[in-house]
Protein backbone atom coordinates (compact mmCIF):
# COMPACT_ATOMS: atom_id res chain seq x y z
CA MET A 1 118.05 -0.59 31.61
CA GLY A 2 119.67 0.21 28.65
CA ARG A 3 119.37 -3.49 27.84
CA SER A 4 115.77 -3.68 28.23
CA SER A 5 115.10 -0.37 26.30
CA THR A 6 117.68 -2.14 23.67
CA GLY A 7 115.39 -4.95 23.55
CA CYS A 8 112.04 -3.97 22.92
CA GLU A 9 113.44 -1.67 19.96
CA GLY A 10 114.36 -5.31 18.85
CA ASN A 11 111.80 -6.84 19.03
CA SER A 12 109.95 -4.05 18.21
CA GLY A 13 111.68 -4.01 15.34
CA MET A 14 111.10 -7.78 15.09
CA HIS A 15 107.53 -7.62 15.12
CA TRP A 16 107.49 -5.05 12.25
CA ARG A 17 109.57 -6.93 10.09
CA ASN A 18 107.68 -9.67 10.02
CA ASN A 19 103.66 -7.91 9.67
CA ALA A 20 105.33 -5.96 6.49
CA PHE A 21 106.10 -9.60 5.34
CA LEU A 22 103.21 -10.93 6.43
CA LEU A 23 100.62 -8.26 4.75
CA THR A 24 103.17 -8.84 1.35
CA PHE A 25 102.61 -12.58 1.18
CA PHE A 26 98.76 -12.12 1.98
CA ALA A 27 98.36 -9.33 -1.14
CA LYS A 28 99.96 -12.29 -3.39
CA GLU A 29 98.37 -14.64 -3.00
CA LYS A 30 95.36 -12.58 -3.12
CA SER A 31 96.43 -11.44 -6.35
CA LYS A 32 97.45 -15.11 -7.53
CA SER A 33 93.51 -16.11 -6.79
CA ARG A 34 92.04 -13.31 -8.52
CA GLY A 35 93.98 -14.74 -11.02
CA ARG A 36 93.13 -18.20 -10.95
CA ARG A 37 89.42 -17.09 -11.24
CA ALA A 38 89.68 -14.70 -14.26
CA ASN A 39 91.54 -18.03 -15.81
CA THR A 40 88.46 -20.29 -15.11
CA ARG A 41 85.83 -17.30 -16.00
CA LYS A 42 87.72 -17.30 -19.50
CA ASN A 43 88.44 -20.92 -19.83
CA SER A 44 84.75 -21.79 -18.97
CA PRO A 45 82.41 -23.05 -22.19
CA ASN A 46 79.67 -21.27 -20.70
CA LYS A 47 81.25 -17.76 -20.96
CA GLY A 48 80.15 -17.10 -24.46
CA ILE A 49 76.27 -17.84 -23.87
CA ILE A 50 76.27 -15.45 -20.47
CA GLU A 51 78.67 -12.55 -22.43
CA LEU A 52 75.18 -13.11 -24.64
CA LYS A 53 72.48 -13.07 -22.45
CA GLY A 54 73.98 -10.14 -21.39
CA ILE A 55 73.49 -8.55 -24.20
CA SER A 56 70.44 -9.88 -25.50
CA LEU A 57 69.10 -8.54 -21.67
CA ALA A 58 71.21 -4.75 -22.63
CA ILE A 59 69.06 -4.56 -26.41
CA LYS A 60 65.66 -5.91 -24.59
CA VAL A 61 66.12 -2.96 -22.19
CA MET A 62 66.80 -0.78 -24.79
CA ASN A 63 64.11 -1.60 -27.20
CA LYS A 64 61.47 -1.28 -24.38
CA ASN A 65 62.83 2.37 -23.88
CA ILE A 66 62.65 3.18 -27.55
CA GLN A 67 59.14 1.83 -27.42
CA TYR A 68 57.99 4.45 -24.37
CA ILE A 69 59.53 7.31 -26.22
CA LEU A 70 57.52 6.85 -29.35
CA GLN A 71 54.58 6.51 -27.58
CA LYS A 72 54.97 9.21 -25.21
CA GLU A 73 55.77 11.09 -28.33
CA ALA A 74 52.59 9.79 -30.21
CA GLN A 75 50.40 10.20 -27.29
CA ALA A 76 51.38 14.12 -26.76
CA ILE A 77 50.04 13.88 -30.80
CA GLN A 78 46.66 12.44 -30.32
CA GLU A 79 46.29 14.71 -27.30
CA ILE A 80 46.92 18.36 -29.22
CA PRO A 81 43.33 20.23 -29.12
CA ALA A 82 41.77 19.76 -32.53
CA THR A 83 39.53 22.80 -32.58
CA ASN A 84 37.81 25.28 -34.62
CA ARG A 85 41.41 27.90 -34.36
CA TYR A 86 42.75 25.75 -37.21
CA GLU A 87 40.16 26.97 -39.35
CA GLU A 88 40.56 30.71 -38.06
CA ALA A 89 43.85 30.32 -38.55
CA ILE A 90 44.30 29.40 -41.68
CA GLU A 91 41.09 32.17 -42.80
CA LEU A 92 43.46 34.80 -41.10
CA ILE A 93 47.19 33.86 -42.82
CA TYR A 94 44.72 33.26 -46.37
CA GLN A 95 43.93 37.02 -45.73
CA GLN A 96 46.92 38.68 -44.91
CA VAL A 97 49.17 36.68 -47.40
CA HIS A 98 47.09 35.65 -50.43
CA VAL A 99 44.44 38.73 -50.56
CA LYS A 100 45.98 41.83 -49.19
CA ARG A 101 49.72 40.50 -50.45
CA GLY A 102 51.58 40.14 -47.12
CA LYS A 103 53.39 37.55 -45.66
CA VAL A 104 54.09 34.95 -42.91
CA VAL A 105 56.41 36.05 -40.42
CA THR A 106 57.40 33.25 -37.74
CA SER A 107 59.46 33.87 -34.68
CA GLY A 108 60.61 32.49 -32.00
CA ILE A 109 63.50 31.72 -29.30
CA GLY A 110 66.18 28.93 -28.76
CA LYS A 111 64.51 25.52 -30.01
CA ALA A 112 60.86 26.96 -31.01
CA GLY A 113 62.73 29.49 -32.34
CA GLN A 114 64.28 26.54 -35.01
CA VAL A 115 61.16 25.53 -35.09
CA ALA A 116 60.20 28.91 -36.34
CA GLN A 117 62.52 28.93 -39.18
CA ASN A 118 61.36 25.06 -40.49
CA LEU A 119 57.69 26.47 -40.46
CA ALA A 120 58.86 29.54 -42.45
CA SER A 121 60.40 27.46 -44.74
CA THR A 122 58.44 24.62 -45.19
CA LEU A 123 55.73 27.34 -45.40
CA SER A 124 57.20 29.46 -48.41
CA SER A 125 58.32 26.32 -51.00
CA THR A 126 54.54 25.57 -50.52
CA GLY A 127 52.69 28.71 -52.47
CA THR A 128 52.71 31.21 -49.18
CA PRO A 129 55.13 32.99 -48.92
CA ALA A 130 57.20 33.14 -45.19
CA VAL A 131 60.15 34.36 -43.41
CA TYR A 132 61.84 34.11 -40.32
CA LEU A 133 62.68 36.67 -37.70
CA HIS A 134 64.91 36.88 -34.69
CA PRO A 135 63.45 38.17 -32.18
CA SER A 136 66.51 39.48 -31.25
CA GLU A 137 67.74 40.88 -34.18
CA ALA A 138 64.61 42.59 -34.60
CA GLN A 139 65.28 45.23 -31.81
CA HIS A 140 68.62 45.77 -34.41
CA GLY A 141 67.47 46.65 -37.28
CA ASP A 142 65.70 43.20 -39.07
CA LEU A 143 61.92 44.67 -37.60
CA GLY A 144 62.29 46.57 -40.66
CA LEU A 145 61.06 43.14 -42.53
CA VAL A 146 58.11 43.49 -41.05
CA HIS A 147 54.47 45.04 -43.15
CA LYS A 148 51.69 46.24 -42.41
CA GLU A 149 49.71 43.70 -44.08
CA ASP A 150 52.12 41.26 -42.46
CA VAL A 151 50.77 38.25 -40.20
CA PHE A 152 52.90 36.70 -37.17
CA ILE A 153 52.84 33.08 -36.28
CA LEU A 154 54.83 33.43 -32.86
CA ILE A 155 56.37 29.97 -31.33
CA SER A 156 56.61 29.81 -27.28
CA ASN A 157 56.25 26.63 -24.57
CA SER A 158 55.58 28.80 -22.15
CA GLY A 159 53.94 31.56 -23.57
CA LYS A 160 56.34 33.92 -21.32
CA THR A 161 59.47 34.36 -23.64
CA ARG A 162 60.64 38.26 -23.25
CA GLU A 163 61.91 38.21 -26.15
CA LEU A 164 58.82 37.76 -28.22
CA LEU A 165 56.88 39.75 -26.21
CA GLU A 166 58.81 42.59 -26.22
CA LEU A 167 58.32 42.14 -30.55
CA CYS A 168 54.98 42.35 -30.00
CA VAL A 169 55.99 45.83 -28.89
CA LEU A 170 58.11 47.08 -31.12
CA SER A 171 55.69 45.80 -33.82
CA HIS A 172 52.70 47.67 -32.85
CA ASN A 173 54.65 50.51 -32.32
CA LEU A 174 56.12 49.88 -35.71
CA HIS A 175 52.29 49.30 -37.37
CA GLY A 176 50.35 49.69 -34.79
CA LYS A 177 48.23 46.09 -34.31
CA GLN A 178 49.01 43.38 -36.49
CA ALA A 179 47.77 39.61 -37.03
CA ARG A 180 49.12 37.38 -35.04
CA ILE A 181 48.84 33.79 -34.31
CA VAL A 182 50.29 32.19 -31.43
CA ILE A 183 51.26 28.46 -30.72
CA SER A 184 51.97 27.46 -27.25
CA GLY A 185 51.73 24.99 -24.37
CA ASN A 186 50.29 27.93 -22.24
CA SER A 187 46.50 29.56 -23.54
CA GLU A 188 46.86 31.30 -20.39
CA SER A 189 50.35 32.79 -21.09
CA PRO A 190 51.05 37.02 -21.63
CA LEU A 191 52.01 35.82 -25.05
CA ALA A 192 48.63 33.83 -25.26
CA LYS A 193 47.33 37.36 -24.95
CA GLN A 194 49.02 39.11 -27.26
CA GLY A 195 47.33 36.76 -29.78
CA ASP A 196 44.15 37.09 -32.69
CA VAL A 197 44.37 33.29 -32.63
CA VAL A 198 46.08 30.63 -30.18
CA LEU A 199 46.30 27.34 -31.27
CA GLU A 200 48.01 24.49 -28.06
CA THR A 201 50.26 22.02 -27.88
CA GLY A 202 48.27 20.59 -25.18
CA ALA A 203 50.87 21.48 -23.03
CA PRO A 204 52.79 17.83 -22.75
CA GLU A 205 55.17 16.36 -20.34
CA GLU A 206 57.94 16.19 -21.54
CA VAL A 207 59.91 12.94 -22.61
CA CYS A 208 62.71 13.75 -21.00
CA PRO A 209 63.23 11.80 -18.34
CA MET A 210 64.58 14.91 -15.81
CA ASP A 211 61.08 17.00 -17.64
CA LEU A 212 63.13 19.97 -18.14
CA THR A 213 64.68 19.71 -22.23
CA PRO A 214 61.98 20.50 -24.58
CA THR A 215 61.31 17.19 -26.95
CA THR A 216 57.81 16.85 -26.48
CA SER A 217 56.82 19.59 -26.65
CA ILE A 218 58.76 20.21 -29.72
CA THR A 219 57.41 17.61 -31.33
CA CYS A 220 53.94 19.41 -31.09
CA MET A 221 55.12 22.71 -32.30
CA HIS A 222 56.57 20.95 -35.37
CA VAL A 223 53.36 18.94 -36.06
CA ILE A 224 51.38 22.03 -35.58
CA GLY A 225 53.35 23.92 -38.38
CA HIS A 226 52.77 21.18 -40.56
CA VAL A 227 48.91 21.19 -39.91
CA LEU A 228 48.85 24.40 -40.68
CA THR A 229 50.79 23.92 -43.92
CA VAL A 230 48.85 21.25 -45.70
CA LEU A 231 45.24 22.61 -44.78
CA MET A 232 47.44 26.30 -46.52
CA ILE A 233 47.94 24.18 -49.43
CA ASN A 234 44.51 22.62 -49.63
CA LYS A 235 43.25 26.52 -49.24
CA ILE A 236 44.92 27.47 -52.07
CA GLY A 237 44.80 25.14 -54.42
CA PHE A 238 49.24 24.20 -54.32
CA THR A 239 50.15 21.71 -57.10
CA LYS A 240 52.56 19.72 -57.87
CA GLU A 241 54.12 22.48 -60.96
CA GLY A 242 53.93 25.67 -58.50
CA PHE A 243 55.57 22.80 -55.99
CA LEU A 244 58.28 22.45 -58.75
CA LYS A 245 58.78 26.10 -59.57
CA ARG A 246 60.05 27.01 -56.27
CA HIS A 247 61.73 23.78 -55.47
CA HIS A 248 64.32 23.09 -58.95
CA GLY A 249 67.29 21.04 -56.70
CA GLY A 250 67.42 18.06 -54.87
CA TYR A 251 66.20 14.57 -54.44
CA LEU A 252 62.31 16.07 -55.21
CA GLY A 253 63.44 18.50 -57.46
CA SER A 254 65.12 15.32 -59.94
CA ILE A 255 61.97 13.91 -59.62
CA LEU A 256 59.47 16.03 -60.22
CA LYS A 257 61.34 17.38 -63.51
CA THR A 258 61.25 13.44 -64.80
CA MET A 259 57.30 13.91 -64.37
CA ASP A 260 54.46 14.24 -66.30
CA LEU A 261 52.74 17.74 -64.54
CA SER A 262 50.61 18.97 -67.61
């Protein structure tokens, strides 16, 4: 009985060692086989052609994606509602700024806030005084820069931005009813109802694949700001001389300084 037991243990140990040897052998052979295939591919005269075809295909796919993005953005711009509200907005800005001597106060938060900052800067450099007011900072004293004659341009895609709605209340508490222009993708929103004039973006679908990241909507906001700027330039008869007086530096300033503006 003892021999049988010992014999079983011996056979079992030998069986285990044989299996281990076979596993190691097959693993080495598999590795050698992979190496031979890799060397074959490496030395293949078609390797360069295959790689070039792969790169070419990747470039084509990328170019199609780029074209799609550009087409979607361009389409969204074309679909911005062009209504007589722009005329109303321009007249409101003209009366408040160039007749009553107030200024434009732009406001927004997040990426819409960056659009508001750009709009204030562009208007200022083209003869229509404007400042950007951060809606949160307005609650900590910056509201004091607002005068009764000013006109707000409030920018929000949803039209539900809490900070902008609060800004409307705070400015009303300070000066009573003030002129407001709202740029939004939602003409029925709470913010839109606070505006004297509402300029709609057309609520475009974001080109972002998740339809979440503000992309196309921001493009439309920027374009609406450009429309307002150009219409104001025409309205007040702004000239190159006026631009040079406000824009001395940079490339544009250097060009204007060499031009005959008489």
